[in-house]
C-alpha atoms as a PDB file:
ATOM      1  CA  MET A   1     -21.051 -13.818  -8.844  1.00  0.00           C
ATOM      2  CA  LEU A   2     -17.725 -12.450  -7.612  1.00  0.00           C
ATOM      3  CA  GLU A   3     -17.502 -14.866  -4.697  1.00  0.00           C
ATOM      4  CA  LYS A   4     -17.293 -17.844  -7.074  1.00  0.00           C
ATOM      5  CA  ILE A   5     -13.750 -16.714  -7.869  1.00  0.00           C
ATOM      6  CA  ASP A   6     -12.970 -14.430  -4.918  1.00  0.00           C
ATOM      7  CA  THR A   7     -13.717 -17.244  -2.489  1.00  0.00           C
ATOM      8  CA  GLN A   8     -12.659 -15.324   0.626  1.00  0.00           C
ATOM      9  CA  LYS A   9     -14.625 -12.237  -0.430  1.00  0.00           C
ATOM     10  CA  MET A  10     -11.843  -9.691  -0.564  1.00  0.00           C
ATOM     11  CA  PHE A  11     -14.177  -7.525  -2.660  1.00  0.00           C
ATOM     12  CA  GLU A  12     -16.440  -7.041   0.356  1.00  0.00           C
ATOM     13  CA  VAL A  13     -13.560  -5.523   2.349  1.00  0.00           C
ATOM     14  CA  TYR A  14     -12.655  -3.202  -0.531  1.00  0.00           C
ATOM     15  CA  ASP A  15     -16.299  -2.139  -0.728  1.00  0.00           C
ATOM     16  CA  ARG A  16     -16.058  -1.149   2.946  1.00  0.00           C
ATOM     17  CA  TRP A  17     -12.799   0.797   2.694  1.00  0.00           C
ATOM     18  CA  PRO A  18     -14.434   4.229   3.199  1.00  0.00           C
ATOM     19  CA  GLU A  19     -16.358   2.946   6.221  1.00  0.00           C
ATOM     20  CA  ILE A  20     -13.261   1.251   7.659  1.00  0.00           C
ATOM     21  CA  ALA A  21     -11.248   4.467   7.185  1.00  0.00           C
ATOM     22  CA  LYS A  22     -13.853   6.513   9.057  1.00  0.00           C
ATOM     23  CA  GLU A  23     -14.189   3.972  11.887  1.00  0.00           C
ATOM     24  CA  SER A  24     -10.413   3.692  12.252  1.00  0.00           C
ATOM     25  CA  PHE A  25      -9.865   7.438  12.469  1.00  0.00           C
ATOM     26  CA  GLU A  26     -12.711   7.873  14.953  1.00  0.00           C
ATOM     27  CA  PHE A  27     -11.703   4.923  17.167  1.00  0.00           C
ATOM     28  CA  ASP A  28     -10.555   5.904  20.651  1.00  0.00           C
ATOM     29  CA  HIS A  29      -6.857   5.183  20.131  1.00  0.00           C
ATOM     30  CA  ILE A  30      -4.887   7.617  22.260  1.00  0.00           C
ATOM     31  CA  PRO A  31      -3.008  10.115  20.052  1.00  0.00           C
ATOM     32  CA  ILE A  32       0.617  10.837  20.863  1.00  0.00           C
ATOM     33  CA  ASP A  33       2.806  13.824  20.026  1.00  0.00           C
ATOM     34  CA  PHE A  34       6.518  13.038  19.802  1.00  0.00           C
ATOM     35  CA  ASP A  35       8.754  16.103  20.036  1.00  0.00           C
ATOM     36  CA  ASN A  36      12.432  16.895  19.373  1.00  0.00           C
ATOM     37  CA  ILE A  37      12.501  14.588  16.361  1.00  0.00           C
ATOM     38  CA  ASN A  38      15.232  14.907  13.750  1.00  0.00           C
ATOM     39  CA  GLN A  39      13.944  12.205  11.410  1.00  0.00           C
ATOM     40  CA  ILE A  40      11.158   9.672  11.019  1.00  0.00           C
ATOM     41  CA  VAL A  41      11.681   6.109   9.852  1.00  0.00           C
ATOM     42  CA  PHE A  42       8.714   4.024   8.677  1.00  0.00           C
ATOM     43  CA  VAL A  43       9.347   0.282   8.787  1.00  0.00           C
ATOM     44  CA  GLY A  44       7.288  -2.452   7.157  1.00  0.00           C
ATOM     45  CA  MET A  45       7.122  -5.046   4.409  1.00  0.00           C
ATOM     46  CA  GLY A  46       4.511  -5.674   1.713  1.00  0.00           C
ATOM     47  CA  GLY A  47       1.165  -4.057   2.486  1.00  0.00           C
ATOM     48  CA  SER A  48       2.611  -2.632   5.704  1.00  0.00           C
ATOM     49  CA  GLY A  49       5.544  -1.154   3.810  1.00  0.00           C
ATOM     50  CA  ALA A  50       3.148   0.549   1.387  1.00  0.00           C
ATOM     51  CA  ILE A  51       1.837   2.603   4.307  1.00  0.00           C
ATOM     52  CA  GLY A  52       5.340   3.968   4.895  1.00  0.00           C
ATOM     53  CA  ASP A  53       5.552   4.887   1.205  1.00  0.00           C
ATOM     54  CA  VAL A  54       2.283   6.804   1.481  1.00  0.00           C
ATOM     55  CA  PHE A  55       3.433   8.767   4.518  1.00  0.00           C
ATOM     56  CA  ALA A  56       6.720   9.538   2.772  1.00  0.00           C
ATOM     57  CA  SER A  57       4.749  10.976  -0.153  1.00  0.00           C
ATOM     58  CA  ILE A  58       2.440  12.981   2.101  1.00  0.00           C
ATOM     59  CA  LEU A  59       5.437  14.435   3.935  1.00  0.00           C
ATOM     60  CA  SER A  60       7.552  14.987   0.813  1.00  0.00           C
ATOM     61  CA  LYS A  61       6.845  18.717   0.724  1.00  0.00           C
ATOM     62  CA  THR A  62       7.530  19.290   4.414  1.00  0.00           C
ATOM     63  CA  ASN A  63      10.805  19.802   6.269  1.00  0.00           C
ATOM     64  CA  ILE A  64      10.490  16.418   7.989  1.00  0.00           C
ATOM     65  CA  HIS A  65      13.294  14.016   7.030  1.00  0.00           C
ATOM     66  CA  VAL A  66      11.675  10.668   6.204  1.00  0.00           C
ATOM     67  CA  ASN A  67      13.094   7.209   5.490  1.00  0.00           C
ATOM     68  CA  VAL A  68      11.195   4.053   4.569  1.00  0.00           C
ATOM     69  CA  VAL A  69      12.856   0.773   5.558  1.00  0.00           C
ATOM     70  CA  LYS A  70      11.821  -2.445   3.845  1.00  0.00           C
ATOM     71  CA  GLY A  71      14.324  -4.897   5.193  1.00  0.00           C
ATOM     72  CA  TYR A  72      16.458  -5.602   8.242  1.00  0.00           C
ATOM     73  CA  LEU A  73      18.607  -2.497   8.702  1.00  0.00           C
ATOM     74  CA  LEU A  74      18.010   0.998  10.078  1.00  0.00           C
ATOM     75  CA  PRO A  75      19.776   3.990   8.499  1.00  0.00           C
ATOM     76  CA  LYS A  76      23.106   4.769  10.193  1.00  0.00           C
ATOM     77  CA  THR A  77      21.796   8.273  10.972  1.00  0.00           C
ATOM     78  CA  VAL A  78      19.211   7.199  13.571  1.00  0.00           C
ATOM     79  CA  ASP A  79      19.703   8.196  17.189  1.00  0.00           C
ATOM     80  CA  SER A  80      17.672   8.978  20.305  1.00  0.00           C
ATOM     81  CA  ASN A  81      15.947  11.843  18.458  1.00  0.00           C
ATOM     82  CA  SER A  82      14.737   9.582  15.657  1.00  0.00           C
ATOM     83  CA  LEU A  83      11.157   8.312  15.588  1.00  0.00           C
ATOM     84  CA  VAL A  84      10.870   4.744  14.319  1.00  0.00           C
ATOM     85  CA  ILE A  85       7.349   3.652  13.329  1.00  0.00           C
ATOM     86  CA  THR A  86       7.021  -0.091  12.798  1.00  0.00           C
ATOM     87  CA  THR A  87       4.018  -1.691  11.141  1.00  0.00           C
ATOM     88  CA  SER A  88       3.228  -5.378  10.727  1.00  0.00           C
ATOM     89  CA  VAL A  89      -0.359  -6.502  10.220  1.00  0.00           C
ATOM     90  CA  SER A  90       0.463 -10.025  11.392  1.00  0.00           C
ATOM     91  CA  GLY A  91       2.823  -8.788  14.088  1.00  0.00           C
ATOM     92  CA  ASN A  92       5.243 -11.537  13.062  1.00  0.00           C
ATOM     93  CA  THR A  93       7.141 -10.056  10.107  1.00  0.00           C
ATOM     94  CA  VAL A  94      10.745 -11.069  10.739  1.00  0.00           C
ATOM     95  CA  GLU A  95      12.363  -8.087   9.013  1.00  0.00           C
ATOM     96  CA  THR A  96      10.241  -5.556  10.882  1.00  0.00           C
ATOM     97  CA  LEU A  97      10.765  -7.279  14.222  1.00  0.00           C
ATOM     98  CA  SER A  98      14.506  -7.158  13.642  1.00  0.00           C
ATOM     99  CA  VAL A  99      14.396  -3.397  13.022  1.00  0.00           C
ATOM    100  CA  LEU A 100      12.150  -2.882  16.062  1.00  0.00           C
ATOM    101  CA  GLU A 101      14.690  -4.620  18.278  1.00  0.00           C
ATOM    102  CA  SER A 102      17.541  -2.560  16.804  1.00  0.00           C
ATOM    103  CA  ALA A 103      15.632   0.701  17.348  1.00  0.00           C
ATOM    104  CA  TYR A 104      14.974  -0.233  20.973  1.00  0.00           C
ATOM    105  CA  LYS A 105      18.648  -0.997  21.597  1.00  0.00           C
ATOM    106  CA  LEU A 106      19.650   2.340  20.040  1.00  0.00           C
ATOM    107  CA  GLY A 107      17.269   4.249  22.318  1.00  0.00           C
ATOM    108  CA  CYS A 108      15.108   5.622  19.491  1.00  0.00           C
ATOM    109  CA  LYS A 109      11.610   6.939  20.035  1.00  0.00           C
ATOM    110  CA  ILE A 110       9.336   4.116  18.866  1.00  0.00           C
ATOM    111  CA  ILE A 111       5.697   3.382  18.187  1.00  0.00           C
ATOM    112  CA  ALA A 112       4.455   0.086  16.771  1.00  0.00           C
ATOM    113  CA  PHE A 113       1.218  -0.980  15.058  1.00  0.00           C
ATOM    114  CA  SER A 114       0.049  -4.560  14.542  1.00  0.00           C
ATOM    115  CA  SER A 115      -2.895  -6.901  15.028  1.00  0.00           C
ATOM    116  CA  GLY A 116      -1.031  -8.749  17.773  1.00  0.00           C
ATOM    117  CA  GLY A 117       1.658 -11.365  17.347  1.00  0.00           C
ATOM    118  CA  ILE A 118       5.271 -11.187  18.500  1.00  0.00           C
ATOM    119  CA  MET A 119       5.355  -7.418  17.978  1.00  0.00           C
ATOM    120  CA  GLU A 120       2.665  -6.806  20.576  1.00  0.00           C
ATOM    121  CA  LYS A 121       4.388  -9.094  23.077  1.00  0.00           C
ATOM    122  CA  TYR A 122       7.778  -7.416  22.556  1.00  0.00           C
ATOM    123  CA  CYS A 123       6.316  -3.924  22.948  1.00  0.00           C
ATOM    124  CA  ARG A 124       4.361  -4.821  26.089  1.00  0.00           C
ATOM    125  CA  GLU A 125       7.425  -6.408  27.691  1.00  0.00           C
ATOM    126  CA  ASN A 126       9.664  -3.415  26.893  1.00  0.00           C
ATOM    127  CA  LYS A 127       7.117  -0.639  27.538  1.00  0.00           C
ATOM    128  CA  ILE A 128       7.188   0.546  23.919  1.00  0.00           C
ATOM    129  CA  GLU A 129       4.283   2.653  22.616  1.00  0.00           C
ATOM    130  CA  TYR A 130       1.973   0.222  20.836  1.00  0.00           C
ATOM    131  CA  ARG A 131      -1.445   0.299  19.174  1.00  0.00           C
ATOM    132  CA  LEU A 132      -3.489  -2.808  18.397  1.00  0.00           C
ATOM    133  CA  VAL A 133      -5.153  -2.469  14.980  1.00  0.00           C
ATOM    134  CA  PRO A 134      -7.836  -4.770  13.529  1.00  0.00           C
ATOM    135  CA  ARG A 135      -6.898  -6.932  10.581  1.00  0.00           C
ATOM    136  CA  TYR A 136      -9.370  -7.069   7.706  1.00  0.00           C
ATOM    137  CA  HIS A 137      -8.990 -10.157   5.532  1.00  0.00           C
ATOM    138  CA  SER A 138      -5.266  -9.722   4.646  1.00  0.00           C
ATOM    139  CA  PRO A 139      -2.449  -7.198   5.086  1.00  0.00           C
ATOM    140  CA  ARG A 140      -3.125  -5.549   1.716  1.00  0.00           C
ATOM    141  CA  ALA A 141      -6.871  -5.343   2.306  1.00  0.00           C
ATOM    142  CA  SER A 142      -6.233  -3.888   5.793  1.00  0.00           C
ATOM    143  CA  PHE A 143      -4.613  -0.815   4.260  1.00  0.00           C
ATOM    144  CA  THR A 144      -7.198   1.797   5.307  1.00  0.00           C
ATOM    145  CA  SER A 145      -7.528   0.323   8.794  1.00  0.00           C
ATOM    146  CA  TYR A 146      -3.821   0.845   9.419  1.00  0.00           C
ATOM    147  CA  LEU A 147      -3.405   4.116   7.531  1.00  0.00           C
ATOM    148  CA  TYR A 148      -6.234   5.873   9.337  1.00  0.00           C
ATOM    149  CA  THR A 149      -5.361   4.434  12.734  1.00  0.00           C
ATOM    150  CA  MET A 150      -1.864   5.827  12.278  1.00  0.00           C
ATOM    151  CA  LEU A 151      -3.302   9.158  11.159  1.00  0.00           C
ATOM    152  CA  ARG A 152      -5.456   9.182  14.295  1.00  0.00           C
ATOM    153  CA  VAL A 153      -2.492   8.506  16.564  1.00  0.00           C
ATOM    154  CA  LEU A 154       0.217  10.513  14.798  1.00  0.00           C
ATOM    155  CA  HIS A 155      -1.436  13.378  12.901  1.00  0.00           C
ATOM    156  CA  SER A 156      -0.068  15.927  15.378  1.00  0.00           C
ATOM    157  CA  THR A 157       3.476  14.535  15.245  1.00  0.00           C
ATOM    158  CA  LEU A 158       3.364  14.366  11.450  1.00  0.00           C
ATOM    159  CA  LYS A 159       1.743  17.810  11.139  1.00  0.00           C
ATOM    160  CA  ILE A 160      -1.126  16.469   9.021  1.00  0.00           C
ATOM    161  CA  LYS A 161      -4.290  18.582   9.204  1.00  0.00           C
ATOM    162  CA  GLN A 162      -7.444  16.911  10.474  1.00  0.00           C
ATOM    163  CA  ASP A 163      -9.375  18.731   7.731  1.00  0.00           C
ATOM    164  CA  ASP A 164      -7.233  16.950   5.131  1.00  0.00           C
ATOM    165  CA  ILE A 165      -7.948  13.613   6.781  1.00  0.00           C
ATOM    166  CA  SER A 166     -11.702  14.275   6.854  1.00  0.00           C
ATOM    167  CA  GLU A 167     -11.590  15.374   3.218  1.00  0.00           C
ATOM    168  CA  SER A 168      -9.817  12.162   2.211  1.00  0.00           C
ATOM    169  CA  ILE A 169     -12.471  10.014   3.908  1.00  0.00           C
ATOM    170  CA  THR A 170     -15.203  11.914   2.068  1.00  0.00           C
ATOM    171  CA  GLU A 171     -13.376  11.428  -1.236  1.00  0.00           C
ATOM    172  CA  LEU A 172     -12.975   7.703  -0.512  1.00  0.00           C
ATOM    173  CA  LYS A 173     -16.730   7.468  -0.024  1.00  0.00           C
ATOM    174  CA  ASN A 174     -17.374   9.310  -3.295  1.00  0.00           C
ATOM    175  CA  TYR A 175     -14.991   7.042  -5.196  1.00  0.00           C
ATOM    176  CA  GLY A 176     -16.480   3.939  -3.601  1.00  0.00           C
ATOM    177  CA  LYS A 177     -19.867   4.657  -5.156  1.00  0.00           C
ATOM    178  CA  LYS A 178     -18.259   4.596  -8.603  1.00  0.00           C
ATOM    179  CA  ILE A 179     -15.906   1.624  -8.353  1.00  0.00           C
ATOM    180  CA  ASN A 180     -17.242  -0.859  -5.795  1.00  0.00           C
ATOM    181  CA  SER A 181     -18.827  -4.214  -6.571  1.00  0.00           C
ATOM    182  CA  TYR A 182     -22.343  -2.747  -6.531  1.00  0.00           C
ATOM    183  CA  ASN A 183     -21.535  -0.880  -9.758  1.00  0.00           C
ATOM    184  CA  LEU A 184     -20.199  -3.454 -12.206  1.00  0.00           C
ATOM    185  CA  THR A 185     -21.115  -1.324 -15.215  1.00  0.00           C
ATOM    186  CA  LYS A 186     -19.317   0.538 -17.995  1.00  0.00           C
ATOM    187  CA  ASP A 187     -19.122   3.523 -15.617  1.00  0.00           C
ATOM    188  CA  ASN A 188     -16.816   1.652 -13.221  1.00  0.00           C
ATOM    189  CA  THR A 189     -13.346   3.102 -13.909  1.00  0.00           C
ATOM    190  CA  SER A 190     -11.531   0.325 -12.056  1.00  0.00           C
ATOM    191  CA  LEU A 191     -13.351  -2.391 -13.979  1.00  0.00           C
ATOM    192  CA  ASN A 192     -12.700  -0.650 -17.308  1.00  0.00           C
ATOM    193  CA  LEU A 193      -8.974  -0.463 -16.601  1.00  0.00           C
ATOM    194  CA  ALA A 194      -8.907  -4.114 -15.481  1.00  0.00           C
ATOM    195  CA  GLU A 195     -10.574  -5.177 -18.740  1.00  0.00           C
ATOM    196  CA  TRP A 196      -7.929  -3.279 -20.738  1.00  0.00           C
ATOM    197  CA  ILE A 197      -4.868  -4.626 -18.912  1.00  0.00           C
ATOM    198  CA  SER A 198      -3.039  -7.450 -20.638  1.00  0.00           C
ATOM    199  CA  GLY A 199       0.579  -8.450 -20.968  1.00  0.00           C
ATOM    200  CA  ILE A 200       2.812  -6.611 -18.490  1.00  0.00           C
ATOM    201  CA  PRO A 201       1.587  -3.256 -17.125  1.00  0.00           C
ATOM    202  CA  LEU A 202       4.247  -0.548 -16.968  1.00  0.00           C
ATOM    203  CA  ILE A 203       3.199   2.089 -14.443  1.00  0.00           C
ATOM    204  CA  TYR A 204       4.649   5.559 -15.033  1.00  0.00           C
ATOM    205  CA  TYR A 205       4.505   7.977 -12.116  1.00  0.00           C
ATOM    206  CA  PRO A 206       5.650  11.523 -11.221  1.00  0.00           C
ATOM    207  CA  PHE A 207       7.381  12.777  -8.083  1.00  0.00           C
ATOM    208  CA  GLY A 208       4.881  12.555  -5.220  1.00  0.00           C
ATOM    209  CA  LEU A 209       2.957   9.568  -6.595  1.00  0.00           C
ATOM    210  CA  GLN A 210       5.627   6.882  -6.326  1.00  0.00           C
ATOM    211  CA  SER A 211       3.739   5.324  -3.411  1.00  0.00           C
ATOM    212  CA  VAL A 212       0.664   4.893  -5.619  1.00  0.00           C
ATOM    213  CA  ALA A 213       2.688   3.256  -8.388  1.00  0.00           C
ATOM    214  CA  VAL A 214       4.473   0.852  -6.041  1.00  0.00           C
ATOM    215  CA  ARG A 215       1.220  -0.064  -4.319  1.00  0.00           C
ATOM    216  CA  PHE A 216      -0.448  -0.736  -7.699  1.00  0.00           C
ATOM    217  CA  LYS A 217       2.460  -2.924  -8.785  1.00  0.00           C
ATOM    218  CA  ASN A 218       2.297  -4.870  -5.532  1.00  0.00           C
ATOM    219  CA  VAL A 219      -1.440  -5.559  -5.621  1.00  0.00           C
ATOM    220  CA  LEU A 220      -1.327  -6.542  -9.294  1.00  0.00           C
ATOM    221  CA  GLN A 221       1.332  -9.064  -8.308  1.00  0.00           C
ATOM    222  CA  GLU A 222      -0.478 -10.335  -5.208  1.00  0.00           C
ATOM    223  CA  ASN A 223      -4.104 -10.186  -6.330  1.00  0.00           C
ATOM    224  CA  ALA A 224      -3.904 -10.787 -10.082  1.00  0.00           C
ATOM    225  CA  LYS A 225      -0.658 -12.816 -10.002  1.00  0.00           C
ATOM    226  CA  ILE A 226       0.849 -10.897 -12.947  1.00  0.00           C
ATOM    227  CA  HIS A 227       4.173  -9.158 -13.495  1.00  0.00           C
ATOM    228  CA  ALA A 228       4.174  -5.355 -13.310  1.00  0.00           C
ATOM    229  CA  ILE A 229       6.812  -2.629 -13.627  1.00  0.00           C
ATOM    230  CA  THR A 230       7.102   0.928 -12.279  1.00  0.00           C
ATOM    231  CA  GLU A 231       9.130   3.804 -13.746  1.00  0.00           C
ATOM    232  CA  ASP A 232       9.576   7.450 -12.795  1.00  0.00           C
ATOM    233  CA  VAL A 233       8.298   9.388 -15.807  1.00  0.00           C
ATOM    234  CA  ILE A 234      11.176  11.879 -15.867  1.00  0.00           C
ATOM    235  CA  GLU A 235      13.886   9.230 -15.504  1.00  0.00           C
ATOM    236  CA  ALA A 236      12.165   7.073 -18.145  1.00  0.00           C
ATOM    237  CA  CYS A 237      12.679   9.877 -20.676  1.00  0.00           C
ATOM    238  CA  HIS A 238      16.425   9.264 -20.326  1.00  0.00           C
ATOM    239  CA  ASN A 239      16.366   5.487 -20.747  1.00  0.00           C
ATOM    240  CA  GLY A 240      13.125   3.490 -20.541  1.00  0.00           C
ATOM    241  CA  ILE A 241      11.430   5.293 -23.424  1.00  0.00           C
ATOM    242  CA  VAL A 242      13.870   3.650 -25.846  1.00  0.00           C
ATOM    243  CA  SER A 243      12.294   0.255 -25.103  1.00  0.00           C
ATOM    244  CA  TRP A 244       9.224   1.305 -27.071  1.00  0.00           C
ATOM    245  CA  GLU A 245      11.235   1.236 -30.299  1.00  0.00           C
ATOM    246  CA  LYS A 246      10.613  -2.509 -30.309  1.00  0.00           C
ATOM    247  CA  LYS A 247       7.232  -4.253 -30.249  1.00  0.00           C
ATOM    248  CA  SER A 248       6.302  -5.383 -26.767  1.00  0.00           C
ATOM    249  CA  ILE A 249       3.589  -6.991 -24.634  1.00  0.00           C
ATOM    250  CA  VAL A 250       4.107  -4.182 -22.089  1.00  0.00           C
ATOM    251  CA  LYS A 251       1.111  -1.860 -21.589  1.00  0.00           C
ATOM    252  CA  PRO A 252       1.744   1.696 -20.319  1.00  0.00           C
ATOM    253  CA  ILE A 253      -0.410   3.247 -17.588  1.00  0.00           C
ATOM    254  CA  LEU A 254       0.201   6.927 -16.798  1.00  0.00           C
ATOM    255  CA  LEU A 255      -0.480   8.007 -13.202  1.00  0.00           C
ATOM    256  CA  GLN A 256      -0.851  11.790 -13.143  1.00  0.00           C
ATOM    257  CA  GLY A 257      -1.532  14.385 -10.476  1.00  0.00           C
ATOM    258  CA  VAL A 258      -3.797  17.296 -11.380  1.00  0.00           C
ATOM    259  CA  ASP A 259      -1.185  19.670  -9.981  1.00  0.00           C
ATOM    260  CA  ASP A 260       1.978  17.956 -11.199  1.00  0.00           C
ATOM    261  CA  TYR A 261       4.984  20.260 -11.617  1.00  0.00           C
ATOM    262  CA  ILE A 262       4.716  22.269 -14.845  1.00  0.00           C
ATOM    263  CA  LYS A 263       7.774  20.568 -16.363  1.00  0.00           C
ATOM    264  CA  THR A 264       6.317  17.163 -15.498  1.00  0.00           C
ATOM    265  CA  LYS A 265       3.075  18.084 -17.259  1.00  0.00           C
ATOM    266  CA  GLU A 266       5.130  19.059 -20.301  1.00  0.00           C
ATOM    267  CA  ARG A 267       6.808  15.649 -20.220  1.00  0.00           C
ATOM    268  CA  TRP A 268       3.469  13.839 -19.960  1.00  0.00           C
ATOM    269  CA  GLN A 269       2.277  15.651 -23.074  1.00  0.00           C
ATOM    270  CA  ILE A 270       5.403  14.740 -25.041  1.00  0.00           C
ATOM    271  CA  ILE A 271       5.165  11.083 -24.031  1.00  0.00           C
ATOM    272  CA  LYS A 272       1.501  10.901 -25.031  1.00  0.00           C
ATOM    273  CA  GLU A 273       2.361  12.431 -28.409  1.00  0.00           C
ATOM    274  CA  TYR A 274       5.117   9.839 -28.795  1.00  0.00           C
ATOM    275  CA  PHE A 275       2.703   7.005 -27.992  1.00  0.00           C
ATOM    276  CA  HIS A 276       0.128   8.336 -30.474  1.00  0.00           C
ATOM    277  CA  GLU A 277       2.701   8.665 -33.264  1.00  0.00           C
ATOM    278  CA  ASN A 278       3.926   5.114 -32.645  1.00  0.00           C
ATOM    279  CA  ASN A 279       0.472   3.534 -32.221  1.00  0.00           C
ATOM    280  CA  ILE A 280       1.141   2.516 -28.618  1.00  0.00           C
ATOM    281  CA  ASP A 281      -2.070   2.042 -26.670  1.00  0.00           C
ATOM    282  CA  TYR A 282      -2.023   3.471 -23.154  1.00  0.00           C
ATOM    283  CA  ARG A 283      -4.327   4.484 -20.321  1.00  0.00           C
ATOM    284  CA  GLU A 284      -4.297   7.478 -17.977  1.00  0.00           C
ATOM    285  CA  VAL A 285      -5.268   7.643 -14.305  1.00  0.00           C
ATOM    286  CA  ILE A 286      -5.573  11.223 -13.089  1.00  0.00           C
ATOM    287  CA  SER A 287      -5.853  12.202  -9.439  1.00  0.00           C
ATOM    288  CA  THR A 288      -8.700  14.065  -7.814  1.00  0.00           C
ATOM    289  CA  ASN A 289      -8.323  17.608  -6.531  1.00  0.00           C
ATOM    290  CA  GLY A 290      -7.668  18.305  -2.866  1.00  0.00           C
ATOM    291  CA  SER A 291      -4.898  17.478  -0.427  1.00  0.00           C
ATOM    292  CA  ILE A 292      -2.067  15.106  -1.295  1.00  0.00           C
ATOM    293  CA  LEU A 293      -3.630  12.589   1.113  1.00  0.00           C
ATOM    294  CA  SER A 294      -6.910  12.690  -0.845  1.00  0.00           C
ATOM    295  CA  LYS A 295      -5.071  12.315  -4.145  1.00  0.00           C
ATOM    296  CA  ILE A 296      -3.050   9.326  -2.980  1.00  0.00           C
ATOM    297  CA  ILE A 297      -5.744   7.397  -1.114  1.00  0.00           C
ATOM    298  CA  THR A 298      -8.359   7.701  -3.875  1.00  0.00           C
ATOM    299  CA  MET A 299      -5.895   6.614  -6.565  1.00  0.00           C
ATOM    300  CA  ILE A 300      -4.864   3.652  -4.433  1.00  0.00           C
ATOM    301  CA  TYR A 301      -8.532   2.723  -3.947  1.00  0.00           C
ATOM    302  CA  LEU A 302      -9.227   2.886  -7.675  1.00  0.00           C
ATOM    303  CA  LEU A 303      -6.132   0.855  -8.541  1.00  0.00           C
ATOM    304  CA  ASP A 304      -6.548  -1.733  -5.774  1.00  0.00           C
ATOM    305  CA  ASP A 305     -10.028  -2.422  -7.113  1.00  0.00           C
ATOM    306  CA  THR A 306      -8.525  -2.652 -10.599  1.00  0.00           C
ATOM    307  CA  SER A 307      -6.174  -5.403  -9.411  1.00  0.00           C
ATOM    308  CA  LEU A 308      -9.077  -7.253  -7.813  1.00  0.00           C
ATOM    309  CA  TYR A 309     -11.244  -7.065 -10.938  1.00  0.00           C
ATOM    310  CA  LYS A 310      -8.286  -8.121 -13.087  1.00  0.00           C
ATOM    311  CA  ALA A 311      -7.884 -11.229 -10.931  1.00  0.00           C
ATOM    312  CA  ILE A 312     -11.562 -12.084 -11.190  1.00  0.00           C
ATOM    313  CA  LEU A 313     -11.677 -11.479 -14.949  1.00  0.00           C
ATOM    314  CA  ASP A 314      -8.723 -13.875 -15.284  1.00  0.00           C
ATOM    315  CA  LYS A 315     -10.499 -16.353 -12.982  1.00  0.00           C
ATOM    316  CA  ILE A 316      -7.753 -16.065 -10.369  1.00  0.00           C
ATOM    317  CA  ASP A 317      -8.628 -16.194  -6.670  1.00  0.00           C
ATOM    318  CA  PRO A 318      -6.973 -12.997  -5.360  1.00  0.00           C
ATOM    319  CA  THR A 319      -6.426 -14.117  -1.771  1.00  0.00           C
ATOM    320  CA  PRO A 320      -3.925 -17.030  -1.829  1.00  0.00           C
ATOM    321  CA  VAL A 321      -0.253 -16.015  -2.029  1.00  0.00           C
ATOM    322  CA  LYS A 322       1.384 -19.424  -2.204  1.00  0.00           C
ATOM    323  CA  SER A 323       4.782 -18.119  -3.258  1.00  0.00           C
ATOM    324  CA  ILE A 324       4.982 -15.764  -0.273  1.00  0.00           C
ATOM    325  CA  ASP A 325       3.970 -18.630   1.995  1.00  0.00           C
ATOM    326  CA  TYR A 326       6.715 -20.771   0.446  1.00  0.00           C
ATOM    327  CA  ILE A 327       9.369 -18.134   1.266  1.00  0.00           C
ATOM    328  CA  LYS A 328       8.086 -17.621   4.807  1.00  0.00           C
ATOM    329  CA  ASN A 329       8.071 -21.337   5.495  1.00  0.00           C
ATOM    330  CA  LYS A 330      11.738 -21.528   4.487  1.00  0.00           C
ATOM    331  CA  LEU A 331      12.824 -18.770   6.903  1.00  0.00           C
END
């Protein structure tokens, strides 16, 4: 049974991701429409930072200028017409709190999301827009709770269509039937990929899917406790590809969008030919059709489950993150 290894039952939260997404988007959080914005800055670390990466990808084809801050400092370009969106599941992330305070002092437009903590207290005291979001198990497992709460509150500001959000929830549900813990069969794509992964996964990604690659790297590190690498597929053709001239324990995983740019598709084909000619085993993960939100969230779901199954196959409890705790305790 999974719970013998996954002692805190993270798999049960992943199984509920589609349901959590739907509940979060339908919850009666009051939406807000910020106007006269010249840029948007998403702020967060770890699982919270991954949400900023996703929004940056979703907005990559719009005219909205987006920054993602994972650290202590705001871009020098922020001003009173900048919207700063801070996210911390715990509400106590020191880097994010530091940026929140800086944004307040600079007179930026701000909205914050957390499950309480110091962030809630600071926002209440300073009359900053704030939304309390439920935590599910851990920051990384709370991903859909936060993403869809933020979509509920900010879809108008971010110009994201409600039809695209509804479509993504439907696609999550469809994927869940194939990859959740009720289907531990050869038809489970996430389980199959987890069984194949060994050594160090190298995750290649195209423009638009960087957020998926970074998220996959992060959850492999946190859940499965293994090293992982990400590389932009186009940039890798100018440097990283040379590394394959020497035998390696690295295992390539190719994240592809069904509507990748035509030149990117050409590059994928060349790389696959190169791998075949050099007997390099690899795996492909190809997005669904639909909006960019649907593509990103379903790939993240598939790959998060992969990291969970990899942990369990290696008899590693996915929940504890002792090294992160060590760092936090030193701060």
